[in-house]
């Protein structure tokens, strides 16, 4: 399904600040962080939460909650959604937040709901350490080995390569240099800083009050961005042995955060006199060779444009996931997008990447930025680990 046959609107769109790994959100449950954003999205839409028919929330790293995958359900309940309304968890690697929006739109198209709560939440700080091969006993004297699930690069089950190695190979294949990706990363940070200083994020952000080490902390803005200079980036060591591209400065850092959107059928919008923010005009999902997973966003955007009979020039803004700078650079070049239209307020390189929330955050920022700039169309897209891509077309109301 790529084109919305019914008018599906976004009527609320809010997110929490994205906080650094080990930062102020580290001790909160993922559903509580999501509910903070969702309640404000509901309030801003002047909607009674009792009217919400369904909850669709991405939570890739469900092990961080140790709750058997029930986080999406509690995201709905703690947001005020009726107990009688069901919930669905979504997992599509880096495209999870966008896929949650698509699933919500499909629910509306098929008549399963009139109003749906969607989004994503991940607290990377809560990811457990792994201890392998001890469940059924170990040899006497064998020490337990703790494994950092986030930091350790685990070989892919299909290609046998780590994600970093696959991205490194793809980057070299497309002739993208270390200087190219470092410059993209620098610009992401500078664009975020300029947007934050201009209070661009005020319409989308929700503050949280947390208790950390017995102190009350008010988290009002993103905690992850840092001041960078090109010389700082150029001095960073490569992450891969014999590599020449990837460093800690040109890939996104793990982060904590949540993002929530309300989607509604046109009948619900009219019946409850709701002012919509944007229309979900279309979407597409594609598969690619897992070794070329970083191309998923390119092919998804291309297919979406073809099916909508649009050109790149017809789209005013693009939010392209920059979990790896090189993937966003490749997408911008391959699609011949004017760089001034891409990630105009920075992206995951500046904000960090709470995986399930990132795609939803991209859509939320697109909703508000189209309105702020009085522009018509925007596309949010992401490549996905395992060789997939997802893209959504939004139109300002």
Protein backbone atom coordinates (compact mmCIF):
# COMPACT_ATOMS: atom_id res chain seq x y z
CA UNK A 1 0.00 0.00 0.00
CA UNK A 2 1.56 3.29 -1.01
CA UNK A 3 -1.29 5.76 -1.40
CA UNK A 4 -3.88 6.68 1.20
CA UNK A 5 -7.32 6.04 -0.31
CA UNK A 6 -8.96 7.77 2.64
CA UNK A 7 -7.93 11.01 4.27
CA UNK A 8 -5.73 10.09 7.23
CA UNK A 9 -4.56 12.98 9.35
CA UNK A 10 -1.96 13.57 12.03
CA UNK A 11 -3.70 15.54 14.76
CA UNK A 12 -1.05 15.46 17.50
CA UNK A 13 2.74 15.13 17.37
CA UNK A 14 5.04 15.43 20.38
CA UNK A 15 8.32 13.98 21.59
CA UNK A 16 10.46 13.99 24.68
CA UNK A 17 13.96 15.42 24.65
CA UNK A 18 16.47 12.85 23.44
CA UNK A 19 18.93 12.22 26.25
CA UNK A 20 22.41 10.78 26.26
CA UNK A 21 23.23 7.18 27.07
CA UNK A 22 23.43 6.94 30.85
CA UNK A 23 21.72 10.32 31.15
CA UNK A 24 18.68 11.58 33.09
CA UNK A 25 16.15 9.13 31.60
CA UNK A 26 18.17 6.03 32.37
CA UNK A 27 16.06 4.81 35.31
CA UNK A 28 12.60 5.41 33.83
CA UNK A 29 10.40 2.73 32.23
CA UNK A 30 10.10 3.15 28.46
CA UNK A 31 6.29 3.32 28.69
CA UNK A 32 6.44 6.19 31.16
CA UNK A 33 8.67 8.23 28.86
CA UNK A 34 6.33 7.52 25.93
CA UNK A 35 3.24 8.39 27.95
CA UNK A 36 4.70 11.80 28.77
CA UNK A 37 4.89 12.63 25.06
CA UNK A 38 1.57 10.95 24.23
CA UNK A 39 -0.42 12.80 26.90
CA UNK A 40 0.79 16.12 25.54
CA UNK A 41 0.00 15.06 21.96
CA UNK A 42 -3.53 14.16 23.09
CA UNK A 43 -3.91 17.42 25.02
CA UNK A 44 -2.68 19.52 22.10
CA UNK A 45 -5.27 17.88 19.85
CA UNK A 46 -8.06 18.72 22.33
CA UNK A 47 -8.98 15.06 22.29
CA UNK A 48 -10.49 12.86 24.97
CA UNK A 49 -8.17 9.83 25.32
CA UNK A 50 -11.26 7.64 25.64
CA UNK A 51 -11.77 8.15 21.89
CA UNK A 52 -8.52 6.37 20.97
CA UNK A 53 -9.23 2.97 19.45
CA UNK A 54 -5.75 1.49 19.20
CA UNK A 55 -2.10 1.90 20.19
CA UNK A 56 0.79 1.01 17.86
CA UNK A 57 4.21 1.59 19.39
CA UNK A 58 7.69 0.59 18.30
CA UNK A 59 9.99 -0.87 20.94
CA UNK A 60 12.86 -2.72 19.29
CA UNK A 61 14.91 -3.20 22.42
CA UNK A 62 12.15 -4.73 24.50
CA UNK A 63 14.72 -6.63 26.56
CA UNK A 64 15.58 -3.31 28.18
CA UNK A 65 12.26 -3.47 30.04
CA UNK A 66 12.33 -7.18 30.95
CA UNK A 67 8.54 -7.21 30.72
CA UNK A 68 8.02 -9.85 28.06
CA UNK A 69 7.27 -7.35 25.31
CA UNK A 70 4.32 -5.67 27.03
CA UNK A 71 5.73 -2.14 26.77
CA UNK A 72 3.48 -1.07 23.82
CA UNK A 73 0.40 -2.11 25.77
CA UNK A 74 1.42 -0.06 28.80
CA UNK A 75 2.35 2.86 26.57
CA UNK A 76 -1.33 3.03 25.69
CA UNK A 77 -2.73 2.47 29.16
CA UNK A 78 -0.45 5.01 30.85
CA UNK A 79 -1.31 7.53 28.12
CA UNK A 80 -4.99 7.28 29.03
CA UNK A 81 -6.10 4.98 26.23
CA UNK A 82 -9.04 2.82 27.36
CA UNK A 83 -8.22 -0.62 28.76
CA UNK A 84 -10.58 -2.06 26.14
CA UNK A 85 -8.48 -0.66 23.26
CA UNK A 86 -5.80 -3.07 21.99
CA UNK A 87 -2.11 -2.39 21.44
CA UNK A 88 0.52 -3.64 19.01
CA UNK A 89 4.31 -3.63 19.26
CA UNK A 90 6.34 -2.94 16.13
CA UNK A 91 9.96 -3.83 15.39
CA UNK A 92 11.65 -2.87 12.12
CA UNK A 93 15.13 -1.86 13.23
CA UNK A 94 15.82 1.78 12.38
CA UNK A 95 12.52 2.12 10.51
CA UNK A 96 10.40 1.11 13.51
CA UNK A 97 8.94 4.53 14.35
CA UNK A 98 7.89 5.10 10.75
CA UNK A 99 6.45 1.59 10.48
CA UNK A 100 4.30 2.26 13.56
CA UNK A 101 2.77 5.22 11.73
CA UNK A 102 2.14 3.07 8.66
CA UNK A 103 0.50 0.30 10.71
CA UNK A 104 -1.73 2.91 12.34
CA UNK A 105 -2.73 4.27 8.94
CA UNK A 106 -3.55 0.74 7.75
CA UNK A 107 -5.75 0.22 10.82
CA UNK A 108 -7.69 3.34 9.86
CA UNK A 109 -7.97 2.37 6.19
CA UNK A 110 -9.28 -1.09 7.05
CA UNK A 111 -11.83 0.31 9.48
CA UNK A 112 -10.26 -1.15 12.61
CA UNK A 113 -9.94 2.27 14.20
CA UNK A 114 -10.90 5.91 13.76
CA UNK A 115 -8.17 7.34 15.99
CA UNK A 116 -4.84 5.65 16.74
CA UNK A 117 -1.93 6.46 19.02
CA UNK A 118 1.41 5.69 17.34
CA UNK A 119 5.12 6.22 17.86
CA UNK A 120 8.19 4.67 19.39
CA UNK A 121 10.15 4.47 22.62
CA UNK A 122 13.58 3.11 23.47
CA UNK A 123 15.84 3.66 26.45
CA UNK A 124 19.20 2.38 25.29
CA UNK A 125 20.60 3.03 28.77
CA UNK A 126 18.41 0.21 30.10
CA UNK A 127 19.77 -2.47 27.78
CA UNK A 128 21.01 -5.40 29.88
CA UNK A 129 24.48 -6.86 29.76
CA UNK A 130 24.56 -10.36 28.27
CA UNK A 131 26.14 -13.46 29.74
CA UNK A 132 26.10 -16.22 27.11
CA UNK A 133 26.30 -20.00 27.43
CA UNK A 134 25.71 -20.23 31.18
CA UNK A 135 22.04 -21.20 31.37
CA UNK A 136 22.74 -24.92 31.44
CA UNK A 137 25.95 -24.77 33.41
CA UNK A 138 29.62 -24.04 32.76
CA UNK A 139 32.88 -25.84 33.32
CA UNK A 140 34.28 -25.49 36.81
CA UNK A 141 36.42 -22.38 37.09
CA UNK A 142 35.22 -20.84 33.82
CA UNK A 143 34.67 -17.11 34.44
CA UNK A 144 31.44 -15.45 33.39
CA UNK A 145 31.96 -13.08 30.49
CA UNK A 146 29.76 -9.99 30.45
CA UNK A 147 28.95 -8.72 26.98
CA UNK A 148 27.81 -5.18 26.17
CA UNK A 149 24.86 -5.64 23.82
CA UNK A 150 25.12 -2.05 22.59
CA UNK A 151 28.86 -1.68 22.09
CA UNK A 152 29.74 -5.11 20.75
CA UNK A 153 29.25 -5.51 17.02
CA UNK A 154 27.52 -8.85 16.46
CA UNK A 155 27.87 -10.44 12.98
CA UNK A 156 24.69 -10.35 10.91
CA UNK A 157 22.86 -13.67 10.64
CA UNK A 158 22.65 -13.49 6.83
CA UNK A 159 25.80 -11.72 5.64
CA UNK A 160 28.15 -12.71 8.43
CA UNK A 161 29.30 -9.08 8.61
CA UNK A 162 28.78 -6.53 11.36
CA UNK A 163 26.54 -3.55 10.61
CA UNK A 164 29.55 -1.25 10.76
CA UNK A 165 31.45 -3.37 8.24
CA UNK A 166 28.49 -3.42 5.85
CA UNK A 167 28.15 0.36 6.04
CA UNK A 168 31.91 0.81 5.58
CA UNK A 169 31.82 -1.40 2.46
CA UNK A 170 28.80 0.42 1.02
CA UNK A 171 30.38 3.81 1.67
CA UNK A 172 33.54 2.89 -0.22
CA UNK A 173 31.49 1.29 -3.00
CA UNK A 174 29.71 4.62 -3.63
CA UNK A 175 32.87 6.70 -3.48
CA UNK A 176 31.96 8.57 -0.31
CA UNK A 177 35.01 9.78 1.62
CA UNK A 178 35.81 10.22 5.30
CA UNK A 179 35.80 13.98 4.71
CA UNK A 180 32.28 13.75 3.20
CA UNK A 181 30.79 11.95 6.18
CA UNK A 182 32.63 14.03 8.76
CA UNK A 183 31.33 17.20 7.14
CA UNK A 184 27.78 15.83 7.12
CA UNK A 185 28.08 14.97 10.81
CA UNK A 186 29.42 18.43 11.60
CA UNK A 187 26.56 20.10 9.71
CA UNK A 188 24.00 17.96 11.55
CA UNK A 189 25.30 19.26 14.87
CA UNK A 190 25.47 22.85 13.65
CA UNK A 191 21.93 22.70 12.24
CA UNK A 192 20.59 21.29 15.51
CA UNK A 193 22.36 24.04 17.46
CA UNK A 194 20.96 26.78 15.21
CA UNK A 195 17.45 25.30 15.44
CA UNK A 196 17.64 24.96 19.22
CA UNK A 197 18.85 28.54 19.65
CA UNK A 198 15.97 29.73 17.43
CA UNK A 199 13.48 27.71 19.53
CA UNK A 200 12.48 25.65 16.49
CA UNK A 201 11.75 22.58 18.63
CA UNK A 202 9.32 24.27 21.03
CA UNK A 203 6.23 22.98 19.19
CA UNK A 204 7.34 19.36 19.33
CA UNK A 205 9.11 19.01 22.69
CA UNK A 206 7.61 17.91 26.00
CA UNK A 207 9.56 18.36 29.23
CA UNK A 208 9.98 15.63 31.85
CA UNK A 209 10.62 15.86 35.56
CA UNK A 210 12.81 13.02 36.77
CA UNK A 211 14.45 12.00 40.02
CA UNK A 212 18.07 10.95 39.66
CA UNK A 213 20.36 10.34 42.62
CA UNK A 214 17.67 11.79 44.90
CA UNK A 215 17.63 15.05 42.95
CA UNK A 216 14.73 16.47 40.94
CA UNK A 217 15.77 17.28 37.38
CA UNK A 218 13.68 19.04 34.74
CA UNK A 219 14.62 17.78 31.28
CA UNK A 220 13.50 20.41 28.80
CA UNK A 221 15.75 20.04 25.77
CA UNK A 222 17.84 17.45 23.96
CA UNK A 223 20.84 16.36 26.01
CA UNK A 224 22.94 14.61 23.38
CA UNK A 225 24.30 17.29 20.99
CA UNK A 226 27.84 18.47 21.59
CA UNK A 227 30.02 21.25 20.26
CA UNK A 228 32.11 19.86 17.42
CA UNK A 229 34.72 21.21 15.06
CA UNK A 230 35.94 19.62 11.84
CA UNK A 231 39.39 19.10 13.36
CA UNK A 232 37.80 17.21 16.28
CA UNK A 233 36.12 14.81 13.87
CA UNK A 234 39.20 14.33 11.71
CA UNK A 235 41.27 13.23 14.73
CA UNK A 236 38.91 10.43 15.76
CA UNK A 237 40.19 6.88 15.15
CA UNK A 238 38.44 4.51 12.76
CA UNK A 239 36.11 1.99 14.37
CA UNK A 240 36.97 -0.91 12.09
CA UNK A 241 40.38 -2.50 11.80
CA UNK A 242 41.88 -1.39 8.47
CA UNK A 243 38.82 0.82 7.94
CA UNK A 244 38.95 4.34 6.57
CA UNK A 245 35.44 5.79 7.10
CA UNK A 246 33.48 5.08 10.26
CA UNK A 247 34.33 6.78 13.54
CA UNK A 248 32.38 7.54 16.69
CA UNK A 249 31.84 11.04 15.27
CA UNK A 250 30.07 10.09 12.03
CA UNK A 251 27.70 7.46 13.40
CA UNK A 252 24.83 8.15 15.78
CA UNK A 253 25.24 7.51 19.48
CA UNK A 254 22.78 5.43 21.55
CA UNK A 255 20.24 7.63 23.31
CA UNK A 256 17.02 7.57 25.34
CA UNK A 257 13.70 9.06 24.27
CA UNK A 258 10.18 8.65 22.94
CA UNK A 259 7.95 10.17 20.27
CA UNK A 260 4.15 10.00 19.92
CA UNK A 261 1.67 10.86 17.18
CA UNK A 262 -2.12 10.73 16.93
CA UNK A 263 -3.60 9.62 13.62
CA UNK A 264 -7.28 10.10 12.79
CA UNK A 265 -9.74 9.27 10.03
CA UNK A 266 -11.34 12.24 8.27
CA UNK A 267 -14.71 11.35 9.82
CA UNK A 268 -13.23 11.58 13.32
CA UNK A 269 -11.58 14.90 12.47
CA UNK A 270 -14.86 16.36 11.27
CA UNK A 271 -17.00 14.74 13.96
CA UNK A 272 -14.87 16.07 16.81
CA UNK A 273 -13.99 19.42 15.20
CA UNK A 274 -10.26 18.68 15.29
CA UNK A 275 -7.74 20.85 13.48
CA UNK A 276 -5.33 18.47 11.69
CA UNK A 277 -1.62 19.22 11.44
CA UNK A 278 -0.79 17.12 8.39
CA UNK A 279 -2.13 14.44 6.07
CA UNK A 280 -0.50 11.06 5.63
CA UNK A 281 -0.55 11.07 1.84
CA UNK A 282 1.30 7.82 1.16
CA UNK A 283 4.02 5.40 2.14
CA UNK A 284 6.09 2.55 0.85
CA UNK A 285 8.25 -0.28 2.19
CA UNK A 286 10.93 -2.12 0.22
CA UNK A 287 13.44 -4.91 0.61
CA UNK A 288 17.07 -4.84 -0.52
CA UNK A 289 20.07 -7.14 -0.28
CA UNK A 290 20.94 -7.21 3.43
CA UNK A 291 24.56 -6.43 2.55
CA UNK A 292 23.30 -3.17 1.00
CA UNK A 293 20.91 -2.35 3.85
CA UNK A 294 22.02 1.29 3.74
CA UNK A 295 20.32 1.70 0.35
CA UNK A 296 16.86 0.84 1.69
CA UNK A 297 15.89 4.46 2.24
CA UNK A 298 16.99 5.42 -1.28
CA UNK A 299 14.84 2.77 -2.93
CA UNK A 300 11.89 3.47 -0.65
CA UNK A 301 11.91 7.18 -1.50
CA UNK A 302 12.32 6.45 -5.21
CA UNK A 303 9.39 4.01 -5.20
CA UNK A 304 7.21 6.39 -3.20
CA UNK A 305 7.88 9.25 -5.62
CA UNK A 306 7.11 7.02 -8.61
CA UNK A 307 3.83 5.79 -7.13
CA UNK A 308 2.77 9.31 -6.16
CA UNK A 309 3.81 10.62 -9.60
CA UNK A 310 6.09 13.17 -7.96
CA UNK A 311 9.66 14.25 -8.54
CA UNK A 312 12.32 15.06 -5.95
CA UNK A 313 11.72 18.71 -6.79
CA UNK A 314 8.05 18.42 -5.78
CA UNK A 315 9.04 17.62 -2.19
CA UNK A 316 9.95 20.56 0.04
CA UNK A 317 11.68 18.81 2.94
CA UNK A 318 13.31 15.43 3.53
CA UNK A 319 14.05 13.75 6.85
CA UNK A 320 16.51 10.95 6.08
CA UNK A 321 17.70 8.81 8.96
CA UNK A 322 21.34 9.56 9.66
CA UNK A 323 22.17 6.78 12.07
CA UNK A 324 25.23 6.52 9.82
CA UNK A 325 26.28 9.75 8.11
CA UNK A 326 27.35 7.86 5.01
CA UNK A 327 23.84 6.44 4.44
CA UNK A 328 22.34 9.92 4.41
CA UNK A 329 25.13 11.20 2.13
CA UNK A 330 24.55 8.34 -0.32
CA UNK A 331 20.77 8.89 -0.29
CA UNK A 332 21.12 12.62 -0.92
CA UNK A 333 23.50 12.04 -3.84
CA UNK A 334 21.71 9.10 -5.44
CA UNK A 335 18.36 10.89 -5.38
CA UNK A 336 19.93 14.22 -6.38
CA UNK A 337 18.26 16.07 -3.51
CA UNK A 338 19.15 19.67 -2.81
CA UNK A 339 21.12 19.43 0.45
CA UNK A 340 19.33 22.49 1.81
CA UNK A 341 16.14 20.36 1.98
CA UNK A 342 17.66 17.48 3.95
CA UNK A 343 17.48 17.23 7.75
CA UNK A 344 17.17 20.98 8.07
CA UNK A 345 17.42 20.91 11.88
CA UNK A 346 19.95 18.12 12.23
CA UNK A 347 19.27 14.48 12.90
CA UNK A 348 20.45 11.39 14.76
CA UNK A 349 24.10 12.38 14.41
CA UNK A 350 23.36 15.34 16.66
CA UNK A 351 20.44 14.00 18.72
CA UNK A 352 21.46 10.41 19.21
CA UNK A 353 19.41 7.37 18.27
CA UNK A 354 16.82 5.84 20.62
CA UNK A 355 16.14 3.40 17.82
CA UNK A 356 12.36 2.98 17.92
CA UNK A 357 11.74 6.67 18.54
CA UNK A 358 13.93 8.06 15.76
CA UNK A 359 11.57 7.48 12.82
CA UNK A 360 8.64 8.89 14.77
CA UNK A 361 10.74 11.91 15.74
CA UNK A 362 11.58 12.51 12.07
CA UNK A 363 7.88 12.49 11.17
CA UNK A 364 7.02 14.77 14.08
CA UNK A 365 9.66 17.30 13.12
CA UNK A 366 8.49 17.19 9.51
CA UNK A 367 4.91 17.90 10.59
CA UNK A 368 5.89 20.99 12.57
CA UNK A 369 8.59 22.23 10.20
CA UNK A 370 6.29 22.15 7.16
CA UNK A 371 3.87 24.31 9.10
CA UNK A 372 6.54 26.63 10.45
CA UNK A 373 7.98 27.22 6.98
CA UNK A 374 4.57 27.17 5.28
CA UNK A 375 5.64 24.40 2.90
CA UNK A 376 3.51 21.67 1.33
CA UNK A 377 5.20 18.26 1.21
CA UNK A 378 7.78 16.31 3.15
CA UNK A 379 9.17 12.78 3.12
CA UNK A 380 10.59 10.91 6.11
CA UNK A 381 12.61 7.81 5.26
CA UNK A 382 14.94 5.28 6.80
CA UNK A 383 17.05 2.33 5.82
CA UNK A 384 16.63 -0.69 8.08
CA UNK A 385 19.06 -3.32 9.25
CA UNK A 386 18.44 -6.64 7.52
CA UNK A 387 17.95 -4.96 4.15
CA UNK A 388 14.74 -2.93 4.17
CA UNK A 389 13.62 0.63 3.60
CA UNK A 390 10.56 2.67 4.57
CA UNK A 391 9.32 6.11 3.50
CA UNK A 392 6.28 8.23 4.35
CA UNK A 393 4.87 11.23 2.48
CA UNK A 394 3.25 13.96 4.58
CA UNK A 395 1.36 17.04 3.43
CA UNK A 396 0.79 20.15 5.53
CA UNK A 397 -2.79 21.06 6.39
